[in-house]
C-alpha atoms as a PDB file:
ATOM      1  CA  MET A   1       1.528   4.674  14.832  1.00  0.00           C
ATOM      2  CA  HIS A   2       4.746   6.484  13.466  1.00  0.00           C
ATOM      3  CA  THR A   3       6.808   9.301  13.761  1.00  0.00           C
ATOM      4  CA  ALA A   4       7.497  12.224  11.411  1.00  0.00           C
ATOM      5  CA  ALA A   5      10.880  12.066  10.210  1.00  0.00           C
ATOM      6  CA  VAL A   6      11.359  13.042   6.615  1.00  0.00           C
ATOM      7  CA  ALA A   7      15.076  13.452   6.714  1.00  0.00           C
ATOM      8  CA  ALA A   8      17.092  12.189   3.597  1.00  0.00           C
ATOM      9  CA  VAL A   9      18.235   8.516   3.912  1.00  0.00           C
ATOM     10  CA  ALA A  10      21.888   7.529   3.706  1.00  0.00           C
ATOM     11  CA  LEU A  11      21.528   5.405   0.417  1.00  0.00           C
ATOM     12  CA  PHE A  12      24.530   3.214   1.390  1.00  0.00           C
ATOM     13  CA  ALA A  13      23.670   2.582   5.244  1.00  0.00           C
ATOM     14  CA  SER A  14      24.561  -0.821   6.848  1.00  0.00           C
ATOM     15  CA  VAL A  15      22.051  -3.164   6.178  1.00  0.00           C
ATOM     16  CA  PHE A  16      21.477  -5.877   9.024  1.00  0.00           C
ATOM     17  CA  ALA A  17      20.203  -9.267   7.326  1.00  0.00           C
ATOM     18  CA  SER A  18      19.557 -12.579   8.254  1.00  0.00           C
ATOM     19  CA  VAL A  19      18.657 -15.560   5.864  1.00  0.00           C
ATOM     20  CA  LEU A  20      15.068 -16.615   6.291  1.00  0.00           C
ATOM     21  CA  ALA A  21      14.918 -19.111   3.715  1.00  0.00           C
ATOM     22  CA  ALA A  22      17.289 -20.418   0.888  1.00  0.00           C
ATOM     23  CA  GLY A  23      16.717 -22.419  -2.621  1.00  0.00           C
ATOM     24  CA  SER A  24      12.885 -22.584  -1.954  1.00  0.00           C
ATOM     25  CA  ALA A  25      10.182 -22.213  -4.745  1.00  0.00           C
ATOM     26  CA  SER A  26      10.165 -18.646  -3.751  1.00  0.00           C
ATOM     27  CA  GLY A  27      13.758 -18.118  -4.298  1.00  0.00           C
ATOM     28  CA  ASP A  28      15.986 -16.351  -1.499  1.00  0.00           C
ATOM     29  CA  SER A  29      14.538 -14.222   1.217  1.00  0.00           C
ATOM     30  CA  ILE A  30      16.490 -12.188   3.601  1.00  0.00           C
ATOM     31  CA  ASN A  31      15.165  -9.874   6.457  1.00  0.00           C
ATOM     32  CA  VAL A  32      16.871  -6.301   5.850  1.00  0.00           C
ATOM     33  CA  SER A  33      16.671  -3.185   7.892  1.00  0.00           C
ATOM     34  CA  GLU A  34      17.181   0.493   6.879  1.00  0.00           C
ATOM     35  CA  ASN A  35      16.481   3.558   9.342  1.00  0.00           C
ATOM     36  CA  GLY A  36      14.718   1.662  11.864  1.00  0.00           C
ATOM     37  CA  LEU A  37      12.392   0.100   9.290  1.00  0.00           C
ATOM     38  CA  GLY A  38      12.360  -3.749   8.661  1.00  0.00           C
ATOM     39  CA  ALA A  39      11.611  -5.541   5.564  1.00  0.00           C
ATOM     40  CA  THR A  40      11.847  -8.626   3.317  1.00  0.00           C
ATOM     41  CA  LEU A  41      13.957  -8.770   0.186  1.00  0.00           C
ATOM     42  CA  ALA A  42      13.044 -11.562  -1.948  1.00  0.00           C
ATOM     43  CA  ARG A  43      15.038 -12.619  -5.040  1.00  0.00           C
ATOM     44  CA  PRO A  44      14.236 -15.452  -7.725  1.00  0.00           C
ATOM     45  CA  ASP A  45      16.673 -18.466  -8.057  1.00  0.00           C
ATOM     46  CA  GLY A  46      19.292 -18.066 -10.608  1.00  0.00           C
ATOM     47  CA  ALA A  47      18.562 -14.665 -11.905  1.00  0.00           C
ATOM     48  CA  ALA A  48      21.798 -12.575 -12.794  1.00  0.00           C
ATOM     49  CA  LYS A  49      19.674  -9.456 -13.036  1.00  0.00           C
ATOM     50  CA  SER A  50      15.780  -8.552 -12.597  1.00  0.00           C
ATOM     51  CA  LYS A  51      13.414  -5.906 -12.086  1.00  0.00           C
ATOM     52  CA  GLY A  52      12.487  -5.408  -8.635  1.00  0.00           C
ATOM     53  CA  VAL A  53       9.229  -4.068  -7.045  1.00  0.00           C
ATOM     54  CA  VAL A  54       8.710  -2.286  -3.768  1.00  0.00           C
ATOM     55  CA  PHE A  55       5.433  -3.152  -1.929  1.00  0.00           C
ATOM     56  CA  VAL A  56       3.840  -0.445  -0.158  1.00  0.00           C
ATOM     57  CA  ALA A  57       0.734  -1.506   2.296  1.00  0.00           C
ATOM     58  CA  GLY A  58      -2.324   0.108   2.878  1.00  0.00           C
ATOM     59  CA  SER A  59      -3.719   1.984   5.762  1.00  0.00           C
ATOM     60  CA  GLY A  60      -3.694   1.193   9.427  1.00  0.00           C
ATOM     61  CA  PRO A  61      -1.011  -0.844  11.346  1.00  0.00           C
ATOM     62  CA  THR A  62      -0.203  -3.248   8.460  1.00  0.00           C
ATOM     63  CA  ASP A  63       2.554  -5.209   8.332  1.00  0.00           C
ATOM     64  CA  ARG A  64       4.843  -6.528   5.162  1.00  0.00           C
ATOM     65  CA  ASP A  65       2.561  -9.350   4.476  1.00  0.00           C
ATOM     66  CA  GLY A  66      -0.554  -7.260   4.354  1.00  0.00           C
ATOM     67  CA  ASN A  67      -1.782  -8.289   7.929  1.00  0.00           C
ATOM     68  CA  SER A  68      -2.979  -6.117  10.660  1.00  0.00           C
ATOM     69  CA  ARG A  69      -3.784  -6.364  14.462  1.00  0.00           C
ATOM     70  CA  LEU A  70      -7.129  -4.998  13.615  1.00  0.00           C
ATOM     71  CA  GLY A  71      -8.353  -8.366  12.221  1.00  0.00           C
ATOM     72  CA  VAL A  72      -6.760  -8.825   9.077  1.00  0.00           C
ATOM     73  CA  HIS A  73      -5.013 -11.742   8.248  1.00  0.00           C
ATOM     74  CA  ALA A  74      -5.125 -12.685   4.664  1.00  0.00           C
ATOM     75  CA  ASN A  75      -1.220 -12.845   3.858  1.00  0.00           C
ATOM     76  CA  TYR A  76      -2.200 -10.998   0.342  1.00  0.00           C
ATOM     77  CA  LEU A  77       1.114  -9.294   0.037  1.00  0.00           C
ATOM     78  CA  HIS A  78       3.080 -12.230   0.973  1.00  0.00           C
ATOM     79  CA  LEU A  79       1.289 -14.422  -1.665  1.00  0.00           C
ATOM     80  CA  LEU A  80       1.648 -11.774  -4.347  1.00  0.00           C
ATOM     81  CA  SER A  81       5.370 -11.429  -3.778  1.00  0.00           C
ATOM     82  CA  ASP A  82       6.143 -14.850  -3.978  1.00  0.00           C
ATOM     83  CA  ALA A  83       3.995 -15.177  -7.152  1.00  0.00           C
ATOM     84  CA  LEU A  84       6.260 -12.466  -8.485  1.00  0.00           C
ATOM     85  CA  VAL A  85       9.636 -13.946  -7.249  1.00  0.00           C
ATOM     86  CA  ARG A  86       8.636 -17.522  -8.831  1.00  0.00           C
ATOM     87  CA  ASP A  87       8.171 -15.297 -12.080  1.00  0.00           C
ATOM     88  CA  GLY A  88      11.580 -14.053 -11.938  1.00  0.00           C
ATOM     89  CA  ILE A  89      11.050 -10.698 -10.191  1.00  0.00           C
ATOM     90  CA  ILE A  90      12.575  -9.223  -7.316  1.00  0.00           C
ATOM     91  CA  THR A  91      10.415  -7.893  -4.353  1.00  0.00           C
ATOM     92  CA  LEU A  92      10.732  -5.729  -1.272  1.00  0.00           C
ATOM     93  CA  ARG A  93       8.083  -5.542   1.054  1.00  0.00           C
ATOM     94  CA  TYR A  94       8.332  -3.497   4.475  1.00  0.00           C
ATOM     95  CA  ASP A  95       6.634  -3.224   7.822  1.00  0.00           C
ATOM     96  CA  LYS A  96       5.057   0.375   8.119  1.00  0.00           C
ATOM     97  CA  ARG A  97       6.233   2.313  11.006  1.00  0.00           C
ATOM     98  CA  GLY A  98       5.098   1.286  14.452  1.00  0.00           C
ATOM     99  CA  VAL A  99       4.771  -2.356  12.873  1.00  0.00           C
ATOM    100  CA  GLY A 100       6.656  -5.629  13.402  1.00  0.00           C
ATOM    101  CA  ALA A 101      10.067  -5.119  12.800  1.00  0.00           C
ATOM    102  CA  SER A 102       9.466  -1.244  12.269  1.00  0.00           C
ATOM    103  CA  ALA A 103       8.007  -0.745  15.587  1.00  0.00           C
ATOM    104  CA  THR A 104      10.727   1.254  17.190  1.00  0.00           C
ATOM    105  CA  ALA A 105      10.489   3.786  14.348  1.00  0.00           C
ATOM    106  CA  LEU A 106       7.376   4.868  16.250  1.00  0.00           C
ATOM    107  CA  THR A 107       7.906   7.705  18.917  1.00  0.00           C
ATOM    108  CA  SER A 108       4.678   9.582  18.825  1.00  0.00           C
ATOM    109  CA  GLU A 109       1.521   9.111  17.114  1.00  0.00           C
ATOM    110  CA  SER A 110       0.459  12.795  17.084  1.00  0.00           C
ATOM    111  CA  GLU A 111       3.717  13.751  15.036  1.00  0.00           C
ATOM    112  CA  LEU A 112       3.178  11.624  12.073  1.00  0.00           C
ATOM    113  CA  ARG A 113       2.286  13.208   8.559  1.00  0.00           C
ATOM    114  CA  PHE A 114       1.194  11.194   5.312  1.00  0.00           C
ATOM    115  CA  THR A 115       4.452  12.757   3.986  1.00  0.00           C
ATOM    116  CA  ASP A 116       6.201  10.254   6.288  1.00  0.00           C
ATOM    117  CA  PHE A 117       4.777   7.235   4.611  1.00  0.00           C
ATOM    118  CA  VAL A 118       5.999   8.788   1.454  1.00  0.00           C
ATOM    119  CA  ALA A 119       9.290   9.565   2.529  1.00  0.00           C
ATOM    120  CA  ASP A 120       9.476   5.516   3.763  1.00  0.00           C
ATOM    121  CA  ALA A 121       8.564   4.343   0.445  1.00  0.00           C
ATOM    122  CA  GLU A 122      11.028   6.651  -1.382  1.00  0.00           C
ATOM    123  CA  SER A 123      13.725   5.487   1.026  1.00  0.00           C
ATOM    124  CA  TRP A 124      13.104   1.888   0.222  1.00  0.00           C
ATOM    125  CA  GLY A 125      12.812   2.694  -3.548  1.00  0.00           C
ATOM    126  CA  ASN A 126      16.242   4.130  -3.588  1.00  0.00           C
ATOM    127  CA  TRP A 127      17.691   1.638  -1.530  1.00  0.00           C
ATOM    128  CA  LEU A 128      16.150  -1.395  -3.727  1.00  0.00           C
ATOM    129  CA  ARG A 129      17.530   0.263  -6.846  1.00  0.00           C
ATOM    130  CA  ARG A 130      21.074   0.700  -5.638  1.00  0.00           C
ATOM    131  CA  ARG A 131      21.250  -3.086  -4.801  1.00  0.00           C
ATOM    132  CA  PRO A 132      23.502  -5.302  -7.026  1.00  0.00           C
ATOM    133  CA  GLY A 133      21.374  -7.330  -9.952  1.00  0.00           C
ATOM    134  CA  VAL A 134      18.611  -4.852  -9.714  1.00  0.00           C
ATOM    135  CA  ALA A 135      17.807  -3.657 -13.155  1.00  0.00           C
ATOM    136  CA  CYS A 136      14.897  -1.103 -12.614  1.00  0.00           C
ATOM    137  CA  ILE A 137      12.375  -0.727  -9.801  1.00  0.00           C
ATOM    138  CA  PHE A 138       8.417  -0.705  -9.730  1.00  0.00           C
ATOM    139  CA  MET A 139       6.239   0.740  -7.098  1.00  0.00           C
ATOM    140  CA  LEU A 140       3.348  -1.189  -5.857  1.00  0.00           C
ATOM    141  CA  GLY A 141       0.797   0.298  -3.808  1.00  0.00           C
ATOM    142  CA  HIS A 142      -2.219  -1.376  -2.103  1.00  0.00           C
ATOM    143  CA  SER A 143      -5.090   0.596  -1.069  1.00  0.00           C
ATOM    144  CA  GLN A 144      -4.041   3.854   0.819  1.00  0.00           C
ATOM    145  CA  GLY A 145      -0.542   2.681  -0.236  1.00  0.00           C
ATOM    146  CA  GLY A 146      -1.564   3.377  -3.985  1.00  0.00           C
ATOM    147  CA  LEU A 147      -1.343   7.081  -3.025  1.00  0.00           C
ATOM    148  CA  VAL A 148       2.069   6.598  -1.342  1.00  0.00           C
ATOM    149  CA  ALA A 149       3.588   4.705  -4.214  1.00  0.00           C
ATOM    150  CA  THR A 150       2.218   7.334  -6.783  1.00  0.00           C
ATOM    151  CA  MET A 151       3.960  10.222  -4.576  1.00  0.00           C
ATOM    152  CA  ALA A 152       6.871   8.313  -4.220  1.00  0.00           C
ATOM    153  CA  ALA A 153       7.262   6.661  -7.713  1.00  0.00           C
ATOM    154  CA  PRO A 154       8.754   9.957  -9.568  1.00  0.00           C
ATOM    155  CA  ARG A 155      11.348  10.455  -6.634  1.00  0.00           C
ATOM    156  CA  ASP A 156      12.401   6.713  -6.842  1.00  0.00           C
ATOM    157  CA  ASP A 157      13.001   7.130 -10.972  1.00  0.00           C
ATOM    158  CA  ALA A 158      10.658   4.035 -11.068  1.00  0.00           C
ATOM    159  CA  ALA A 159      10.303   2.438 -14.297  1.00  0.00           C
ATOM    160  CA  GLY A 160       6.388   1.803 -13.592  1.00  0.00           C
ATOM    161  CA  LEU A 161       3.509   2.158 -10.989  1.00  0.00           C
ATOM    162  CA  ILE A 162       1.193  -0.447  -9.843  1.00  0.00           C
ATOM    163  CA  LEU A 163      -2.022   0.269  -8.197  1.00  0.00           C
ATOM    164  CA  LEU A 164      -4.037  -2.519  -6.511  1.00  0.00           C
ATOM    165  CA  ALA A 165      -7.493  -2.101  -4.800  1.00  0.00           C
ATOM    166  CA  SER A 166      -6.846   1.924  -4.568  1.00  0.00           C
ATOM    167  CA  SER A 167      -8.942   4.704  -3.973  1.00  0.00           C
ATOM    168  CA  GLY A 168      -9.343   7.466  -6.708  1.00  0.00           C
ATOM    169  CA  ARG A 169     -10.866   9.841  -4.410  1.00  0.00           C
ATOM    170  CA  THR A 170      -9.728  12.063  -1.390  1.00  0.00           C
ATOM    171  CA  PHE A 171      -9.439  10.295   1.753  1.00  0.00           C
ATOM    172  CA  GLY A 172     -12.253  12.707   3.095  1.00  0.00           C
ATOM    173  CA  THR A 173     -14.668  11.689   0.304  1.00  0.00           C
ATOM    174  CA  LEU A 174     -14.014   8.138   0.794  1.00  0.00           C
ATOM    175  CA  LEU A 175     -14.743   8.056   4.568  1.00  0.00           C
ATOM    176  CA  HIS A 176     -17.960   9.846   3.802  1.00  0.00           C
ATOM    177  CA  ASP A 177     -18.851   7.091   1.450  1.00  0.00           C
ATOM    178  CA  GLN A 178     -17.753   4.445   3.859  1.00  0.00           C
ATOM    179  CA  LEU A 179     -19.478   5.844   6.862  1.00  0.00           C
ATOM    180  CA  ALA A 180     -22.455   6.615   4.874  1.00  0.00           C
ATOM    181  CA  ARG A 181     -22.963   2.917   3.927  1.00  0.00           C
ATOM    182  CA  ALA A 182     -21.573   1.250   7.131  1.00  0.00           C
ATOM    183  CA  PRO A 183     -24.130  -0.601   9.511  1.00  0.00           C
ATOM    184  CA  MET A 184     -23.897   1.367  12.466  1.00  0.00           C
ATOM    185  CA  ASP A 185     -25.649   3.218  14.819  1.00  0.00           C
ATOM    186  CA  ALA A 186     -27.468   6.501  13.546  1.00  0.00           C
ATOM    187  CA  LYS A 187     -25.989   9.040  16.081  1.00  0.00           C
ATOM    188  CA  LEU A 188     -22.434   7.383  16.011  1.00  0.00           C
ATOM    189  CA  LYS A 189     -22.683   7.871  12.113  1.00  0.00           C
ATOM    190  CA  THR A 190     -23.912  11.411  12.602  1.00  0.00           C
ATOM    191  CA  ASP A 191     -20.941  12.185  14.689  1.00  0.00           C
ATOM    192  CA  ALA A 192     -18.621  10.398  12.835  1.00  0.00           C
ATOM    193  CA  LEU A 193     -19.458  12.343   9.548  1.00  0.00           C
ATOM    194  CA  ALA A 194     -19.273  15.780  11.479  1.00  0.00           C
ATOM    195  CA  ILE A 195     -15.839  14.571  12.415  1.00  0.00           C
ATOM    196  CA  VAL A 196     -14.588  14.297   9.196  1.00  0.00           C
ATOM    197  CA  ARG A 197     -16.115  17.399   7.934  1.00  0.00           C
ATOM    198  CA  SER A 198     -14.188  19.274  10.575  1.00  0.00           C
ATOM    199  CA  LEU A 199     -11.048  17.334   9.710  1.00  0.00           C
ATOM    200  CA  GLU A 200     -11.418  18.372   5.952  1.00  0.00           C
ATOM    201  CA  ALA A 201     -11.648  22.051   7.105  1.00  0.00           C
ATOM    202  CA  GLY A 202      -8.356  21.444   9.026  1.00  0.00           C
ATOM    203  CA  LYS A 203      -9.883  21.751  12.392  1.00  0.00           C
ATOM    204  CA  PRO A 204      -9.253  19.020  15.088  1.00  0.00           C
ATOM    205  CA  VAL A 205     -12.062  17.723  17.503  1.00  0.00           C
ATOM    206  CA  SER A 206     -11.476  17.457  20.929  1.00  0.00           C
ATOM    207  CA  ASN A 207     -15.077  16.063  22.256  1.00  0.00           C
ATOM    208  CA  ILE A 208     -15.026  12.491  20.566  1.00  0.00           C
ATOM    209  CA  ASN A 209     -17.768  10.027  21.103  1.00  0.00           C
ATOM    210  CA  PRO A 210     -16.123   6.976  22.839  1.00  0.00           C
ATOM    211  CA  GLY A 211     -17.675   4.715  20.217  1.00  0.00           C
ATOM    212  CA  LEU A 212     -15.287   6.584  17.781  1.00  0.00           C
ATOM    213  CA  GLU A 213     -12.167   7.007  19.698  1.00  0.00           C
ATOM    214  CA  ARG A 214     -10.351   4.329  18.006  1.00  0.00           C
ATOM    215  CA  LEU A 215     -10.991   5.928  14.586  1.00  0.00           C
ATOM    216  CA  PHE A 216     -10.594   9.495  15.479  1.00  0.00           C
ATOM    217  CA  ARG A 217      -8.701  10.051  18.626  1.00  0.00           C
ATOM    218  CA  PRO A 218      -7.147  13.112  19.082  1.00  0.00           C
ATOM    219  CA  SER A 219      -3.421  11.742  18.454  1.00  0.00           C
ATOM    220  CA  VAL A 220      -4.281  10.506  15.003  1.00  0.00           C
ATOM    221  CA  GLN A 221      -6.199  13.776  14.041  1.00  0.00           C
ATOM    222  CA  PRO A 222      -3.137  15.480  12.760  1.00  0.00           C
ATOM    223  CA  PHE A 223      -2.307  12.590  10.563  1.00  0.00           C
ATOM    224  CA  LEU A 224      -5.935  12.346   9.204  1.00  0.00           C
ATOM    225  CA  ILE A 225      -5.749  16.313   8.360  1.00  0.00           C
ATOM    226  CA  SER A 226      -2.394  15.971   6.513  1.00  0.00           C
ATOM    227  CA  LEU A 227      -4.138  13.020   4.383  1.00  0.00           C
ATOM    228  CA  VAL A 228      -7.776  13.935   3.984  1.00  0.00           C
ATOM    229  CA  ASP A 229      -7.762  16.219   0.793  1.00  0.00           C
ATOM    230  CA  ILE A 230      -5.158  14.537  -1.186  1.00  0.00           C
ATOM    231  CA  ASP A 231      -6.577  13.767  -4.507  1.00  0.00           C
ATOM    232  CA  PRO A 232      -5.199  10.525  -5.791  1.00  0.00           C
ATOM    233  CA  ALA A 233      -6.414  11.072  -9.154  1.00  0.00           C
ATOM    234  CA  ALA A 234      -4.574  14.429  -9.398  1.00  0.00           C
ATOM    235  CA  GLU A 235      -1.499  13.156  -8.204  1.00  0.00           C
ATOM    236  CA  LEU A 236      -1.625   9.972 -10.541  1.00  0.00           C
ATOM    237  CA  ALA A 237      -2.487  12.451 -13.514  1.00  0.00           C
ATOM    238  CA  LYS A 238       0.815  14.053 -12.911  1.00  0.00           C
ATOM    239  CA  LEU A 239       2.949  10.793 -13.803  1.00  0.00           C
ATOM    240  CA  LYS A 240       4.058   9.984 -16.999  1.00  0.00           C
ATOM    241  CA  ILE A 241       5.282   6.655 -16.272  1.00  0.00           C
ATOM    242  CA  PRO A 242       3.803   3.464 -17.403  1.00  0.00           C
ATOM    243  CA  SER A 243       1.052   2.239 -14.743  1.00  0.00           C
ATOM    244  CA  LEU A 244      -1.342  -0.469 -14.199  1.00  0.00           C
ATOM    245  CA  ILE A 245      -4.629   0.061 -12.195  1.00  0.00           C
ATOM    246  CA  VAL A 246      -6.561  -3.209 -10.843  1.00  0.00           C
ATOM    247  CA  SER A 247      -9.558  -3.040  -8.999  1.00  0.00           C
ATOM    248  CA  GLY A 248     -12.193  -6.011  -8.020  1.00  0.00           C
ATOM    249  CA  SER A 249     -15.782  -6.049  -8.512  1.00  0.00           C
ATOM    250  CA  HIS A 250     -16.311  -7.339  -4.967  1.00  0.00           C
ATOM    251  CA  ASP A 251     -14.420  -4.613  -2.978  1.00  0.00           C
ATOM    252  CA  LEU A 252     -16.053  -3.231  -0.066  1.00  0.00           C
ATOM    253  CA  GLN A 253     -13.740  -0.612   0.697  1.00  0.00           C
ATOM    254  CA  VAL A 254     -13.138   0.971  -2.571  1.00  0.00           C
ATOM    255  CA  SER A 255     -15.682   1.089  -5.604  1.00  0.00           C
ATOM    256  CA  GLU A 256     -16.047   1.286  -9.237  1.00  0.00           C
ATOM    257  CA  THR A 257     -16.126   5.190  -8.915  1.00  0.00           C
ATOM    258  CA  ASP A 258     -12.378   5.041  -7.805  1.00  0.00           C
ATOM    259  CA  PHE A 259     -11.522   2.766 -10.493  1.00  0.00           C
ATOM    260  CA  LYS A 260     -13.088   4.995 -12.882  1.00  0.00           C
ATOM    261  CA  ARG A 261     -11.380   8.343 -11.376  1.00  0.00           C
ATOM    262  CA  LEU A 262      -8.117   6.720 -11.767  1.00  0.00           C
ATOM    263  CA  THR A 263      -8.137   5.348 -15.239  1.00  0.00           C
ATOM    264  CA  ALA A 264      -9.741   8.971 -16.357  1.00  0.00           C
ATOM    265  CA  ALA A 265      -6.856  10.617 -14.877  1.00  0.00           C
ATOM    266  CA  ARG A 266      -4.350   8.209 -16.792  1.00  0.00           C
ATOM    267  CA  PRO A 267      -6.206   6.884 -20.000  1.00  0.00           C
ATOM    268  CA  ASP A 268      -3.049   5.726 -21.266  1.00  0.00           C
ATOM    269  CA  ALA A 269      -2.880   3.289 -18.455  1.00  0.00           C
ATOM    270  CA  THR A 270      -3.428  -0.317 -18.364  1.00  0.00           C
ATOM    271  CA  ALA A 271      -6.618  -0.952 -16.620  1.00  0.00           C
ATOM    272  CA  ILE A 272      -7.889  -4.361 -15.282  1.00  0.00           C
ATOM    273  CA  SER A 273     -11.121  -4.875 -13.238  1.00  0.00           C
ATOM    274  CA  ILE A 274     -10.784  -8.684 -11.900  1.00  0.00           C
ATOM    275  CA  PRO A 275     -14.220 -10.418 -11.333  1.00  0.00           C
ATOM    276  CA  GLY A 276     -14.730 -11.258  -7.935  1.00  0.00           C
ATOM    277  CA  MET A 277     -11.713  -9.885  -6.265  1.00  0.00           C
ATOM    278  CA  ASN A 278     -12.307  -7.861  -3.058  1.00  0.00           C
ATOM    279  CA  HIS A 279     -10.290  -5.704  -1.199  1.00  0.00           C
ATOM    280  CA  VAL A 280      -7.640  -8.196   0.294  1.00  0.00           C
ATOM    281  CA  LEU A 281      -6.909  -9.446  -3.558  1.00  0.00           C
ATOM    282  CA  LYS A 282      -8.858 -12.633  -2.681  1.00  0.00           C
ATOM    283  CA  GLU A 283     -11.913 -14.115  -4.549  1.00  0.00           C
ATOM    284  CA  ALA A 284     -14.967 -13.613  -2.243  1.00  0.00           C
ATOM    285  CA  PRO A 285     -18.752 -13.242  -2.590  1.00  0.00           C
ATOM    286  CA  ALA A 286     -20.370  -9.744  -2.956  1.00  0.00           C
ATOM    287  CA  ALA A 287     -22.150 -10.272   0.481  1.00  0.00           C
ATOM    288  CA  ARG A 288     -20.600  -8.111   3.318  1.00  0.00           C
ATOM    289  CA  LYS A 289     -20.467 -10.761   5.934  1.00  0.00           C
ATOM    290  CA  PRO A 290     -18.730 -13.689   4.015  1.00  0.00           C
ATOM    291  CA  ASN A 291     -16.611 -11.075   2.039  1.00  0.00           C
ATOM    292  CA  LEU A 292     -15.001  -9.896   5.218  1.00  0.00           C
ATOM    293  CA  ALA A 293     -14.500 -13.137   6.308  1.00  0.00           C
ATOM    294  CA  THR A 294     -12.113 -13.757   3.921  1.00  0.00           C
ATOM    295  CA  TYR A 295      -9.898 -11.002   5.519  1.00  0.00           C
ATOM    296  CA  ALA A 296      -8.773 -13.540   8.266  1.00  0.00           C
ATOM    297  CA  ASN A 297      -8.108 -16.439   5.895  1.00  0.00           C
ATOM    298  CA  PRO A 298      -4.484 -16.758   4.870  1.00  0.00           C
ATOM    299  CA  ASP A 299      -5.054 -20.036   3.086  1.00  0.00           C
ATOM    300  CA  LEU A 300      -7.255 -18.412   0.373  1.00  0.00           C
ATOM    301  CA  PRO A 301      -5.338 -17.981  -2.698  1.00  0.00           C
ATOM    302  CA  LEU A 302      -5.170 -14.563  -4.454  1.00  0.00           C
ATOM    303  CA  ALA A 303      -7.988 -13.862  -7.160  1.00  0.00           C
ATOM    304  CA  PRO A 304      -7.609 -15.830 -10.340  1.00  0.00           C
ATOM    305  CA  GLY A 305      -5.845 -13.437 -12.920  1.00  0.00           C
ATOM    306  CA  LEU A 306      -4.495 -11.196 -10.373  1.00  0.00           C
ATOM    307  CA  ALA A 307      -0.898 -12.272 -10.338  1.00  0.00           C
ATOM    308  CA  GLU A 308      -0.514 -12.818 -13.984  1.00  0.00           C
ATOM    309  CA  ALA A 309      -1.818  -9.290 -14.634  1.00  0.00           C
ATOM    310  CA  VAL A 310       1.066  -7.662 -12.425  1.00  0.00           C
ATOM    311  CA  THR A 311       3.686  -9.769 -13.779  1.00  0.00           C
ATOM    312  CA  LYS A 312       2.570  -9.363 -17.105  1.00  0.00           C
ATOM    313  CA  PHE A 313       2.805  -5.734 -16.962  1.00  0.00           C
ATOM    314  CA  ILE A 314       6.646  -5.575 -15.202  1.00  0.00           C
ATOM    315  CA  HIS A 315       7.904  -7.970 -17.808  1.00  0.00           C
ATOM    316  CA  LYS A 316       6.615  -5.782 -20.815  1.00  0.00           C
ATOM    317  CA  THR A 317       7.270  -2.706 -19.284  1.00  0.00           C
ATOM    318  CA  ALA A 318      11.171  -1.533 -20.182  1.00  0.00           C
ATOM    319  CA  CYS A 319      13.283  -0.247 -17.760  1.00  0.00           C
ATOM    320  CA  PRO A 320      14.415   3.460 -18.144  1.00  0.00           C
ATOM    321  CA  ILE A 321      17.597   4.151 -20.401  1.00  0.00           C
ATOM    322  CA  SER A 322      20.040   5.546 -17.844  1.00  0.00           C
ATOM    323  CA  GLY A 323      21.743   8.683 -19.041  1.00  0.00           C
END
């Protein structure tokens, strides 16, 4: 997956850019690169100065569009970025380490720690905040990216935080819940839950059931241990910046419990539950099979009301007054 480099970034490092599109309905987009990570910077047409948003993708090998080689091709982050740019907002969305244009940032999966993701988000936030024409920045995190964005936001002097389909429980608790509900062989489920308990205790597991190797291979366990007990609600409670918390009623991966924990942690936050929205931000049936089918359909639009809620929050949230 990714390498554990948490070094401070050179904020004015060279940016290698190539034009992807110009003058389209979504404004101008260019590819940019910073510290071995690739991203897309998109600006609205005609705006001299705009607010900017850093998109932080969720768990696994997820790219800047929200897609993954693990069967996700819903393009939901790309679609949301386009909607924000059309409404006058600058966006920056990047490939995670080891993925897409950030592939070379991965040297050893076993060296990755969760703090590396936070450092990457912080680096891009600082980068965007210093671009000409950017009034201030917001951090937007989807799924596990919500925790990353939460932890990076204060380091980036973010004007606001946006959490989409993000967990309010520790990763260990979430794994227990998802595994308990998963339609899988009983022995496999028992073994998986035992591994999670061991990781929560900080103890790697060497003897892995072959059916669980993809999830719990030894090389990924140090990363899981670094993440498993971080409490997203507690991290969110530390922040004082304006925050938007959005959940969907048909999300198969995080639940109403997560939404309630996050909103309880920040009762002053703007909280919105979108009827019928699933984890990839599309309108979907509640039933598992047709819901999961939307994960591989890039042609489906975003759930009604999502883009409007995000743009409204950004527009109404004032940029911090620089001292």
